[in-house]
Amino acid sequence: MKGLRKVLTPFAPDQSGASGVLYSMGALTVIIDAGGCTGNVCGFDEPRWHDTRSAVFSAGLRDMDAILGRDELLASKIKSAAERIDTSFVAVVGTPVPATIGTDYKALKKLIASRINIPVIAVPTNGMKLYNEGEKEAYKALIDEFAAEDPSDAKEQIVLGMTPLTYGKDHIDISLDDIRNIRGVGKLIAASSSGIDACMYLGREYEIVSPVYRNNIPEGIKGRTLVCHDEVVGKTLRDAGVDCDIATFFKLHDIVKQDGDKKITEEDEFIEMVREGGYDTVAADICLKELVPDYEGNWVDLKCFAISGRT
């Protein structure tokens, strides 16, 4: 059965990816749901809750609110929250609820903006895609709203896509000021698939590399290797001299893909690659080892928070 998971738990969805990008930017983030999606974001998909706080709210939609599309009520709730919280802007993040009723995000953004005196962005996630797609949509919304055409205070370097959902505790946060000045940055680095998408959207030259694994091959990798993680992690290890194929449950851009690399969606596809690839080493989150208990080669644990929830 397509999409059936027998061993792995569900991966972090797109609304979690969007919320993760917004977490460190001083936003009032409103997830348009009844509470369940927000619970997943706050309870499972955001490791920074242990150390820092962010203003993340649920829209608290009741059945009839969703059915009737009571946007006026949502706008009033957001206005009330914005008046009580010191925030730079409001971000509304989609879930399956607004996707099901066909919410017009442009109209919703305009309605909310008419009630408050701070910027508003809308991230049209639908809860049916994976976290990297939500990160991509959040970067696009931020760039559209805030990136200055002629920035005055740009950094020498900005890393995009190095979020906790990909890198756990090794993440690098960017600020709203970074977004404002991003068109003038000296160097852009794409540290994940969503980073590549954001850089492509900007239309700037960029380098594809993981700062964590640049010149830092994990101990234990040897021989022919299958790297199952974000595509940029695999590319960085390959560029550092590892003889490897890349497998990823997320996105695989043509600019990264080589013969032997594969975008996978099913557990069985990963199992087939491991069993038939003749790899000396598999470098992947340890939770994936349950899929191939008969694999006798070398296993190197590359944590991916979006897969296992391990930092």
C-alpha atoms as a PDB file:
ATOM      1  CA  MET A   1       0.000   0.000   0.000  1.00  0.00           C
ATOM      2  CA  LYS A   2       1.434   3.338  -1.080  1.00  0.00           C
ATOM      3  CA  GLY A   3       2.500   5.490   1.843  1.00  0.00           C
ATOM      4  CA  LEU A   4       2.066   2.723   4.407  1.00  0.00           C
ATOM      5  CA  ARG A   5       4.441   3.009   7.366  1.00  0.00           C
ATOM      6  CA  LYS A   6       5.062  -0.201   9.296  1.00  0.00           C
ATOM      7  CA  VAL A   7       8.024   0.991  11.359  1.00  0.00           C
ATOM      8  CA  LEU A   8       8.710   4.703  10.995  1.00  0.00           C
ATOM      9  CA  THR A   9       6.625   7.374  12.694  1.00  0.00           C
ATOM     10  CA  PRO A  10       5.287  10.304  10.616  1.00  0.00           C
ATOM     11  CA  PHE A  11       7.894  12.905   9.682  1.00  0.00           C
ATOM     12  CA  ALA A  12       7.530  16.569  10.621  1.00  0.00           C
ATOM     13  CA  PRO A  13       4.935  18.201   8.311  1.00  0.00           C
ATOM     14  CA  ASP A  14       5.067  21.500   6.443  1.00  0.00           C
ATOM     15  CA  GLN A  15       3.389  23.648   9.095  1.00  0.00           C
ATOM     16  CA  SER A  16       6.112  22.568  11.534  1.00  0.00           C
ATOM     17  CA  GLY A  17       8.790  23.573   9.049  1.00  0.00           C
ATOM     18  CA  ALA A  18       7.195  26.989   8.540  1.00  0.00           C
ATOM     19  CA  SER A  19       6.858  27.529  12.285  1.00  0.00           C
ATOM     20  CA  GLY A  20      10.498  26.556  12.775  1.00  0.00           C
ATOM     21  CA  VAL A  21      11.717  29.227  10.351  1.00  0.00           C
ATOM     22  CA  LEU A  22       9.574  31.857  12.083  1.00  0.00           C
ATOM     23  CA  TYR A  23      10.461  30.799  15.631  1.00  0.00           C
ATOM     24  CA  SER A  24      13.460  33.092  16.143  1.00  0.00           C
ATOM     25  CA  MET A  25      12.163  36.122  14.228  1.00  0.00           C
ATOM     26  CA  GLY A  26       9.998  37.786  16.838  1.00  0.00           C
ATOM     27  CA  ALA A  27       6.776  36.891  15.065  1.00  0.00           C
ATOM     28  CA  LEU A  28       3.339  36.325  16.506  1.00  0.00           C
ATOM     29  CA  THR A  29       2.738  33.007  14.750  1.00  0.00           C
ATOM     30  CA  VAL A  30      -0.856  31.839  14.448  1.00  0.00           C
ATOM     31  CA  ILE A  31      -1.432  28.283  13.277  1.00  0.00           C
ATOM     32  CA  ILE A  32      -4.889  28.060  11.726  1.00  0.00           C
ATOM     33  CA  ASP A  33      -6.233  24.935  13.403  1.00  0.00           C
ATOM     34  CA  ALA A  34      -8.376  23.721  16.278  1.00  0.00           C
ATOM     35  CA  GLY A  35      -5.349  23.035  18.452  1.00  0.00           C
ATOM     36  CA  GLY A  36      -4.000  19.672  17.340  1.00  0.00           C
ATOM     37  CA  CYS A  37      -1.456  20.894  14.788  1.00  0.00           C
ATOM     38  CA  THR A  38      -0.201  23.533  17.204  1.00  0.00           C
ATOM     39  CA  GLY A  39       0.164  20.833  19.834  1.00  0.00           C
ATOM     40  CA  ASN A  40       2.350  18.819  17.483  1.00  0.00           C
ATOM     41  CA  VAL A  41       4.507  21.849  16.686  1.00  0.00           C
ATOM     42  CA  CYS A  42       4.968  22.848  20.318  1.00  0.00           C
ATOM     43  CA  GLY A  43       5.131  19.359  21.790  1.00  0.00           C
ATOM     44  CA  PHE A  44       7.146  17.416  19.255  1.00  0.00           C
ATOM     45  CA  ASP A  45       8.571  19.429  16.354  1.00  0.00           C
ATOM     46  CA  GLU A  46      10.377  22.329  18.043  1.00  0.00           C
ATOM     47  CA  PRO A  47      13.373  21.497  20.271  1.00  0.00           C
ATOM     48  CA  ARG A  48      14.072  25.159  21.081  1.00  0.00           C
ATOM     49  CA  TRP A  49      11.140  25.205  23.526  1.00  0.00           C
ATOM     50  CA  HIS A  50      13.546  23.801  26.124  1.00  0.00           C
ATOM     51  CA  ASP A  51      15.731  26.926  25.976  1.00  0.00           C
ATOM     52  CA  THR A  52      13.826  29.868  24.502  1.00  0.00           C
ATOM     53  CA  ARG A  53      10.283  31.089  24.016  1.00  0.00           C
ATOM     54  CA  SER A  54       8.322  32.196  20.976  1.00  0.00           C
ATOM     55  CA  ALA A  55       4.780  33.519  20.503  1.00  0.00           C
ATOM     56  CA  VAL A  56       3.036  30.577  18.818  1.00  0.00           C
ATOM     57  CA  PHE A  57      -0.756  30.412  19.037  1.00  0.00           C
ATOM     58  CA  SER A  58      -3.540  28.198  17.775  1.00  0.00           C
ATOM     59  CA  ALA A  59      -6.458  29.870  16.041  1.00  0.00           C
ATOM     60  CA  GLY A  60      -8.676  27.629  18.171  1.00  0.00           C
ATOM     61  CA  LEU A  61     -11.165  27.009  15.375  1.00  0.00           C
ATOM     62  CA  ARG A  62     -14.375  25.265  16.305  1.00  0.00           C
ATOM     63  CA  ASP A  63     -16.223  23.096  13.773  1.00  0.00           C
ATOM     64  CA  MET A  64     -18.570  25.856  12.657  1.00  0.00           C
ATOM     65  CA  ASP A  65     -15.735  28.404  12.504  1.00  0.00           C
ATOM     66  CA  ALA A  66     -13.988  26.192   9.963  1.00  0.00           C
ATOM     67  CA  ILE A  67     -17.136  25.268   8.053  1.00  0.00           C
ATOM     68  CA  LEU A  68     -18.345  28.856   7.749  1.00  0.00           C
ATOM     69  CA  GLY A  69     -14.882  30.384   7.272  1.00  0.00           C
ATOM     70  CA  ARG A  70     -15.246  32.972  10.029  1.00  0.00           C
ATOM     71  CA  ASP A  71     -12.221  35.044   9.063  1.00  0.00           C
ATOM     72  CA  GLU A  72     -13.542  38.113  10.882  1.00  0.00           C
ATOM     73  CA  LEU A  73     -13.417  36.188  14.161  1.00  0.00           C
ATOM     74  CA  LEU A  74      -9.856  35.052  13.464  1.00  0.00           C
ATOM     75  CA  ALA A  75      -8.789  38.616  12.615  1.00  0.00           C
ATOM     76  CA  SER A  76     -10.314  39.882  15.860  1.00  0.00           C
ATOM     77  CA  LYS A  77      -8.443  37.245  17.884  1.00  0.00           C
ATOM     78  CA  ILE A  78      -5.160  38.164  16.221  1.00  0.00           C
ATOM     79  CA  LYS A  79      -5.768  41.877  16.819  1.00  0.00           C
ATOM     80  CA  SER A  80      -6.339  41.211  20.515  1.00  0.00           C
ATOM     81  CA  ALA A  81      -3.170  39.121  20.813  1.00  0.00           C
ATOM     82  CA  ALA A  82      -1.056  41.650  18.887  1.00  0.00           C
ATOM     83  CA  GLU A  83      -2.148  44.400  21.282  1.00  0.00           C
ATOM     84  CA  ARG A  84      -0.866  42.410  24.271  1.00  0.00           C
ATOM     85  CA  ILE A  85       2.376  41.023  22.898  1.00  0.00           C
ATOM     86  CA  ASP A  86       5.486  42.886  21.778  1.00  0.00           C
ATOM     87  CA  THR A  87       5.924  41.448  18.302  1.00  0.00           C
ATOM     88  CA  SER A  88       7.503  42.514  15.000  1.00  0.00           C
ATOM     89  CA  PHE A  89       4.911  41.010  12.696  1.00  0.00           C
ATOM     90  CA  VAL A  90       2.103  38.468  12.445  1.00  0.00           C
ATOM     91  CA  ALA A  91       2.448  35.207  10.550  1.00  0.00           C
ATOM     92  CA  VAL A  92      -0.507  32.945   9.820  1.00  0.00           C
ATOM     93  CA  VAL A  93       0.395  29.351   9.006  1.00  0.00           C
ATOM     94  CA  GLY A  94      -1.917  26.961   7.184  1.00  0.00           C
ATOM     95  CA  THR A  95      -2.955  23.406   8.136  1.00  0.00           C
ATOM     96  CA  PRO A  96      -5.390  20.861   6.659  1.00  0.00           C
ATOM     97  CA  VAL A  97      -8.309  22.906   8.053  1.00  0.00           C
ATOM     98  CA  PRO A  98      -7.919  26.009   5.832  1.00  0.00           C
ATOM     99  CA  ALA A  99      -6.776  23.780   2.965  1.00  0.00           C
ATOM    100  CA  THR A 100     -10.042  21.836   3.160  1.00  0.00           C
ATOM    101  CA  ILE A 101     -12.254  24.928   3.104  1.00  0.00           C
ATOM    102  CA  GLY A 102     -10.197  26.710   0.438  1.00  0.00           C
ATOM    103  CA  THR A 103      -8.973  29.655   2.482  1.00  0.00           C
ATOM    104  CA  ASP A 104      -7.850  32.642   0.392  1.00  0.00           C
ATOM    105  CA  TYR A 105      -4.560  33.528   2.089  1.00  0.00           C
ATOM    106  CA  LYS A 106      -4.090  36.784   0.208  1.00  0.00           C
ATOM    107  CA  ALA A 107      -7.511  37.972   1.309  1.00  0.00           C
ATOM    108  CA  LEU A 108      -6.915  36.764   4.872  1.00  0.00           C
ATOM    109  CA  LYS A 109      -3.609  38.616   5.020  1.00  0.00           C
ATOM    110  CA  LYS A 110      -5.289  41.799   3.764  1.00  0.00           C
ATOM    111  CA  LEU A 111      -8.096  41.455   6.311  1.00  0.00           C
ATOM    112  CA  ILE A 112      -5.717  41.008   9.258  1.00  0.00           C
ATOM    113  CA  ALA A 113      -3.443  43.827   8.058  1.00  0.00           C
ATOM    114  CA  SER A 114      -6.427  46.187   8.054  1.00  0.00           C
ATOM    115  CA  ARG A 115      -6.867  45.591  11.790  1.00  0.00           C
ATOM    116  CA  ILE A 116      -3.306  45.994  13.078  1.00  0.00           C
ATOM    117  CA  ASN A 117      -0.359  48.324  12.571  1.00  0.00           C
ATOM    118  CA  ILE A 118       2.371  45.741  11.995  1.00  0.00           C
ATOM    119  CA  PRO A 119       3.208  43.644   8.898  1.00  0.00           C
ATOM    120  CA  VAL A 120       1.399  40.384   8.179  1.00  0.00           C
ATOM    121  CA  ILE A 121       2.564  37.368   6.204  1.00  0.00           C
ATOM    122  CA  ALA A 122       0.634  34.243   5.257  1.00  0.00           C
ATOM    123  CA  VAL A 123       2.308  30.874   4.745  1.00  0.00           C
ATOM    124  CA  PRO A 124       0.033  28.591   2.654  1.00  0.00           C
ATOM    125  CA  THR A 125       1.036  25.233   4.130  1.00  0.00           C
ATOM    126  CA  ASN A 126      -1.553  22.450   4.163  1.00  0.00           C
ATOM    127  CA  GLY A 127      -0.228  19.799   6.548  1.00  0.00           C
ATOM    128  CA  MET A 128       0.065  17.239   3.743  1.00  0.00           C
ATOM    129  CA  LYS A 129       3.657  17.964   2.732  1.00  0.00           C
ATOM    130  CA  LEU A 130       6.921  17.523   4.603  1.00  0.00           C
ATOM    131  CA  TYR A 131       8.714  20.103   6.733  1.00  0.00           C
ATOM    132  CA  ASN A 132      11.162  21.235   4.047  1.00  0.00           C
ATOM    133  CA  GLU A 133       8.268  22.455   1.897  1.00  0.00           C
ATOM    134  CA  GLY A 134       6.946  24.493   4.814  1.00  0.00           C
ATOM    135  CA  GLU A 135      10.378  26.009   5.380  1.00  0.00           C
ATOM    136  CA  LYS A 136      10.517  26.947   1.696  1.00  0.00           C
ATOM    137  CA  GLU A 137       7.108  28.649   1.823  1.00  0.00           C
ATOM    138  CA  ALA A 138       8.049  30.553   4.987  1.00  0.00           C
ATOM    139  CA  TYR A 139      11.272  31.840   3.433  1.00  0.00           C
ATOM    140  CA  LYS A 140       9.355  32.961   0.338  1.00  0.00           C
ATOM    141  CA  ALA A 141       6.734  34.813   2.400  1.00  0.00           C
ATOM    142  CA  LEU A 142       9.423  36.526   4.497  1.00  0.00           C
ATOM    143  CA  ILE A 143      11.443  37.559   1.442  1.00  0.00           C
ATOM    144  CA  ASP A 144       8.369  38.930  -0.329  1.00  0.00           C
ATOM    145  CA  GLU A 145       7.343  41.008   2.677  1.00  0.00           C
ATOM    146  CA  PHE A 146      10.630  42.182   4.160  1.00  0.00           C
ATOM    147  CA  ALA A 147      13.649  41.836   1.833  1.00  0.00           C
ATOM    148  CA  ALA A 148      14.806  45.313   0.844  1.00  0.00           C
ATOM    149  CA  GLU A 149      15.792  45.915  -2.765  1.00  0.00           C
ATOM    150  CA  ASP A 150      18.607  48.219  -1.665  1.00  0.00           C
ATOM    151  CA  PRO A 151      19.753  47.026   1.800  1.00  0.00           C
ATOM    152  CA  SER A 152      21.984  49.255   3.884  1.00  0.00           C
ATOM    153  CA  ASP A 153      23.360  46.884   6.518  1.00  0.00           C
ATOM    154  CA  ALA A 154      24.063  43.484   4.968  1.00  0.00           C
ATOM    155  CA  LYS A 155      26.125  40.729   6.562  1.00  0.00           C
ATOM    156  CA  GLU A 156      29.119  39.088   4.933  1.00  0.00           C
ATOM    157  CA  GLN A 157      27.378  35.704   5.077  1.00  0.00           C
ATOM    158  CA  ILE A 158      23.949  34.217   5.807  1.00  0.00           C
ATOM    159  CA  VAL A 159      23.150  30.507   6.104  1.00  0.00           C
ATOM    160  CA  LEU A 160      19.655  29.490   4.983  1.00  0.00           C
ATOM    161  CA  GLY A 161      17.969  26.218   5.809  1.00  0.00           C
ATOM    162  CA  MET A 162      20.060  25.245   8.830  1.00  0.00           C
ATOM    163  CA  THR A 163      17.035  24.654  11.036  1.00  0.00           C
ATOM    164  CA  PRO A 164      16.531  22.388  14.058  1.00  0.00           C
ATOM    165  CA  LEU A 165      14.327  20.018  12.069  1.00  0.00           C
ATOM    166  CA  THR A 166      17.335  19.158   9.896  1.00  0.00           C
ATOM    167  CA  TYR A 167      20.256  19.758  12.240  1.00  0.00           C
ATOM    168  CA  GLY A 168      18.882  19.546  15.773  1.00  0.00           C
ATOM    169  CA  LYS A 169      21.106  21.364  18.279  1.00  0.00           C
ATOM    170  CA  ASP A 170      23.545  22.384  15.509  1.00  0.00           C
ATOM    171  CA  HIS A 171      21.056  24.773  13.907  1.00  0.00           C
ATOM    172  CA  ILE A 172      21.796  28.389  12.982  1.00  0.00           C
ATOM    173  CA  ASP A 173      18.973  30.897  13.497  1.00  0.00           C
ATOM    174  CA  ILE A 174      18.545  33.910  11.255  1.00  0.00           C
ATOM    175  CA  SER A 175      16.835  37.121  12.291  1.00  0.00           C
ATOM    176  CA  LEU A 176      14.276  39.392  10.676  1.00  0.00           C
ATOM    177  CA  ASP A 177      17.078  41.900  10.058  1.00  0.00           C
ATOM    178  CA  ASP A 178      18.926  39.179   8.145  1.00  0.00           C
ATOM    179  CA  ILE A 179      15.890  38.826   5.882  1.00  0.00           C
ATOM    180  CA  ARG A 180      15.590  42.586   5.447  1.00  0.00           C
ATOM    181  CA  ASN A 181      19.191  42.809   4.237  1.00  0.00           C
ATOM    182  CA  ILE A 182      19.485  39.455   2.498  1.00  0.00           C
ATOM    183  CA  ARG A 183      19.624  40.853  -1.039  1.00  0.00           C
ATOM    184  CA  GLY A 184      22.894  42.581  -0.181  1.00  0.00           C
ATOM    185  CA  VAL A 185      24.613  39.767   1.711  1.00  0.00           C
ATOM    186  CA  GLY A 186      28.147  38.987   0.623  1.00  0.00           C
ATOM    187  CA  LYS A 187      27.672  35.212   0.499  1.00  0.00           C
ATOM    188  CA  LEU A 188      24.637  32.957   0.694  1.00  0.00           C
ATOM    189  CA  ILE A 189      24.972  29.385   1.918  1.00  0.00           C
ATOM    190  CA  ALA A 190      22.238  26.792   1.352  1.00  0.00           C
ATOM    191  CA  ALA A 191      22.521  24.250   4.169  1.00  0.00           C
ATOM    192  CA  SER A 192      19.502  22.126   3.234  1.00  0.00           C
ATOM    193  CA  SER A 193      16.964  21.600   0.483  1.00  0.00           C
ATOM    194  CA  SER A 194      14.828  24.485   1.760  1.00  0.00           C
ATOM    195  CA  GLY A 195      17.950  26.657   1.775  1.00  0.00           C
ATOM    196  CA  ILE A 196      18.489  25.816  -1.895  1.00  0.00           C
ATOM    197  CA  ASP A 197      14.878  26.745  -2.660  1.00  0.00           C
ATOM    198  CA  ALA A 198      15.207  30.056  -0.817  1.00  0.00           C
ATOM    199  CA  CYS A 199      18.449  30.949  -2.590  1.00  0.00           C
ATOM    200  CA  MET A 200      16.934  30.073  -5.956  1.00  0.00           C
ATOM    201  CA  TYR A 201      13.933  32.265  -5.130  1.00  0.00           C
ATOM    202  CA  LEU A 202      16.258  35.166  -4.370  1.00  0.00           C
ATOM    203  CA  GLY A 203      18.014  34.685  -7.700  1.00  0.00           C
ATOM    204  CA  ARG A 204      21.446  35.063  -6.100  1.00  0.00           C
ATOM    205  CA  GLU A 205      24.585  32.979  -6.435  1.00  0.00           C
ATOM    206  CA  TYR A 206      25.023  30.651  -3.492  1.00  0.00           C
ATOM    207  CA  GLU A 207      27.092  27.787  -2.140  1.00  0.00           C
ATOM    208  CA  ILE A 208      25.520  24.428  -1.317  1.00  0.00           C
ATOM    209  CA  VAL A 209      27.221  23.061   1.789  1.00  0.00           C
ATOM    210  CA  SER A 210      26.447  21.883   5.303  1.00  0.00           C
ATOM    211  CA  PRO A 211      28.547  23.873   7.809  1.00  0.00           C
ATOM    212  CA  VAL A 212      28.317  20.909  10.191  1.00  0.00           C
ATOM    213  CA  TYR A 213      29.879  18.411   7.806  1.00  0.00           C
ATOM    214  CA  ARG A 214      32.190  20.661   5.823  1.00  0.00           C
ATOM    215  CA  ASN A 215      35.660  19.169   6.423  1.00  0.00           C
ATOM    216  CA  ASN A 216      34.123  17.014   9.149  1.00  0.00           C
ATOM    217  CA  ILE A 217      33.473  13.467   7.984  1.00  0.00           C
ATOM    218  CA  PRO A 218      31.708  11.582  10.802  1.00  0.00           C
ATOM    219  CA  GLU A 219      33.847   8.941  12.448  1.00  0.00           C
ATOM    220  CA  GLY A 220      33.126   5.455  11.189  1.00  0.00           C
ATOM    221  CA  ILE A 221      32.240   6.230   7.567  1.00  0.00           C
ATOM    222  CA  LYS A 222      34.300   3.985   5.341  1.00  0.00           C
ATOM    223  CA  GLY A 223      34.059   2.413   1.907  1.00  0.00           C
ATOM    224  CA  ARG A 224      31.028   2.667  -0.317  1.00  0.00           C
ATOM    225  CA  THR A 225      28.374   4.568   1.639  1.00  0.00           C
ATOM    226  CA  LEU A 226      24.656   5.290   1.478  1.00  0.00           C
ATOM    227  CA  VAL A 227      23.861   8.662   3.054  1.00  0.00           C
ATOM    228  CA  CYS A 228      20.179   9.036   3.990  1.00  0.00           C
ATOM    229  CA  HIS A 229      19.526  12.542   5.279  1.00  0.00           C
ATOM    230  CA  ASP A 230      18.928  15.951   3.717  1.00  0.00           C
ATOM    231  CA  GLU A 231      20.441  16.178   0.237  1.00  0.00           C
ATOM    232  CA  VAL A 232      22.937  18.879   1.267  1.00  0.00           C
ATOM    233  CA  VAL A 233      24.382  16.656   3.995  1.00  0.00           C
ATOM    234  CA  GLY A 234      24.982  13.950   1.398  1.00  0.00           C
ATOM    235  CA  LYS A 235      26.459  16.397  -1.114  1.00  0.00           C
ATOM    236  CA  THR A 236      28.793  17.869   1.509  1.00  0.00           C
ATOM    237  CA  LEU A 237      30.127  14.454   2.480  1.00  0.00           C
ATOM    238  CA  ARG A 238      30.555  13.554  -1.185  1.00  0.00           C
ATOM    239  CA  ASP A 239      32.456  16.789  -1.831  1.00  0.00           C
ATOM    240  CA  ALA A 240      34.661  15.975   1.167  1.00  0.00           C
ATOM    241  CA  GLY A 241      35.714  12.720  -0.480  1.00  0.00           C
ATOM    242  CA  VAL A 242      33.161  10.153   0.717  1.00  0.00           C
ATOM    243  CA  ASP A 243      32.239   7.629  -1.995  1.00  0.00           C
ATOM    244  CA  CYS A 244      28.486   7.774  -1.522  1.00  0.00           C
ATOM    245  CA  ASP A 245      25.003   7.700  -2.944  1.00  0.00           C
ATOM    246  CA  ILE A 246      22.333   9.987  -1.510  1.00  0.00           C
ATOM    247  CA  ALA A 247      18.903   8.804  -0.435  1.00  0.00           C
ATOM    248  CA  THR A 248      16.466  11.346   0.952  1.00  0.00           C
ATOM    249  CA  PHE A 249      12.848  11.276   2.069  1.00  0.00           C
ATOM    250  CA  PHE A 250      12.666  15.002   1.407  1.00  0.00           C
ATOM    251  CA  LYS A 251      13.739  16.846  -1.750  1.00  0.00           C
ATOM    252  CA  LEU A 252      16.456  16.080  -4.277  1.00  0.00           C
ATOM    253  CA  HIS A 253      17.328  18.948  -6.620  1.00  0.00           C
ATOM    254  CA  ASP A 254      18.799  18.319 -10.050  1.00  0.00           C
ATOM    255  CA  ILE A 255      21.745  20.534  -9.072  1.00  0.00           C
ATOM    256  CA  VAL A 256      22.651  17.950  -6.401  1.00  0.00           C
ATOM    257  CA  LYS A 257      21.501  14.656  -7.907  1.00  0.00           C
ATOM    258  CA  GLN A 258      24.001  12.236  -9.451  1.00  0.00           C
ATOM    259  CA  ASP A 259      23.700   8.684 -10.736  1.00  0.00           C
ATOM    260  CA  GLY A 260      22.798   6.434  -7.834  1.00  0.00           C
ATOM    261  CA  ASP A 261      21.018   9.137  -5.824  1.00  0.00           C
ATOM    262  CA  LYS A 262      17.312   8.709  -5.153  1.00  0.00           C
ATOM    263  CA  LYS A 263      14.364  10.608  -3.712  1.00  0.00           C
ATOM    264  CA  ILE A 264      12.475   8.008  -1.690  1.00  0.00           C
ATOM    265  CA  THR A 265       8.984   8.056  -0.227  1.00  0.00           C
ATOM    266  CA  GLU A 266       8.411   4.521   0.989  1.00  0.00           C
ATOM    267  CA  GLU A 267      10.060   2.391   3.652  1.00  0.00           C
ATOM    268  CA  ASP A 268      10.476  -0.350   1.042  1.00  0.00           C
ATOM    269  CA  GLU A 269      12.533   1.934  -1.201  1.00  0.00           C
ATOM    270  CA  PHE A 270      15.069   2.506   1.562  1.00  0.00           C
ATOM    271  CA  ILE A 271      15.139  -1.209   2.365  1.00  0.00           C
ATOM    272  CA  GLU A 272      15.776  -2.038  -1.301  1.00  0.00           C
ATOM    273  CA  MET A 273      18.626   0.471  -1.597  1.00  0.00           C
ATOM    274  CA  VAL A 274      20.363  -0.913   1.488  1.00  0.00           C
ATOM    275  CA  ARG A 275      19.903  -4.585   0.598  1.00  0.00           C
ATOM    276  CA  GLU A 276      20.797  -4.306  -3.073  1.00  0.00           C
ATOM    277  CA  GLY A 277      23.338  -1.476  -3.051  1.00  0.00           C
ATOM    278  CA  GLY A 278      26.260  -3.425  -1.616  1.00  0.00           C
ATOM    279  CA  TYR A 279      27.169  -0.557   0.731  1.00  0.00           C
ATOM    280  CA  ASP A 280      29.960  -0.905   3.262  1.00  0.00           C
ATOM    281  CA  THR A 281      28.404   1.857   5.375  1.00  0.00           C
ATOM    282  CA  VAL A 282      24.948   3.336   5.867  1.00  0.00           C
ATOM    283  CA  ALA A 283      24.995   6.859   7.317  1.00  0.00           C
ATOM    284  CA  ALA A 284      21.480   7.655   8.516  1.00  0.00           C
ATOM    285  CA  ASP A 285      19.423   8.291  11.631  1.00  0.00           C
ATOM    286  CA  ILE A 286      19.621   5.222  13.843  1.00  0.00           C
ATOM    287  CA  CYS A 287      15.831   4.826  13.842  1.00  0.00           C
ATOM    288  CA  LEU A 288      16.048   3.759  10.182  1.00  0.00           C
ATOM    289  CA  LYS A 289      18.106   0.737  11.194  1.00  0.00           C
ATOM    290  CA  GLU A 290      14.890  -0.942  12.329  1.00  0.00           C
ATOM    291  CA  LEU A 291      13.930  -1.186   8.652  1.00  0.00           C
ATOM    292  CA  VAL A 292      16.952  -3.352   7.820  1.00  0.00           C
ATOM    293  CA  PRO A 293      17.731  -5.500  10.892  1.00  0.00           C
ATOM    294  CA  ASP A 294      19.589  -7.954   8.674  1.00  0.00           C
ATOM    295  CA  TYR A 295      22.081  -5.352   7.404  1.00  0.00           C
ATOM    296  CA  GLU A 296      25.543  -6.475   8.526  1.00  0.00           C
ATOM    297  CA  GLY A 297      27.589  -3.521   7.334  1.00  0.00           C
ATOM    298  CA  ASN A 298      28.752  -0.453   9.198  1.00  0.00           C
ATOM    299  CA  TRP A 299      26.101   2.004  10.488  1.00  0.00           C
ATOM    300  CA  VAL A 300      26.889   5.643  11.308  1.00  0.00           C
ATOM    301  CA  ASP A 301      24.171   7.558  13.152  1.00  0.00           C
ATOM    302  CA  LEU A 302      23.368  10.860  11.383  1.00  0.00           C
ATOM    303  CA  LYS A 303      20.589  12.391  13.470  1.00  0.00           C
ATOM    304  CA  CYS A 304      17.705  14.072  11.673  1.00  0.00           C
ATOM    305  CA  PHE A 305      15.197  15.634  14.050  1.00  0.00           C
ATOM    306  CA  ALA A 306      12.400  15.682  11.459  1.00  0.00           C
ATOM    307  CA  ILE A 307      12.630  11.887  11.188  1.00  0.00           C
ATOM    308  CA  SER A 308      13.261  10.748  14.750  1.00  0.00           C
ATOM    309  CA  GLY A 309      12.794  13.739  17.070  1.00  0.00           C
ATOM    310  CA  ARG A 310      16.345  13.289  18.363  1.00  0.00           C
ATOM    311  CA  THR A 311      18.610  16.316  18.772  1.00  0.00           C
END
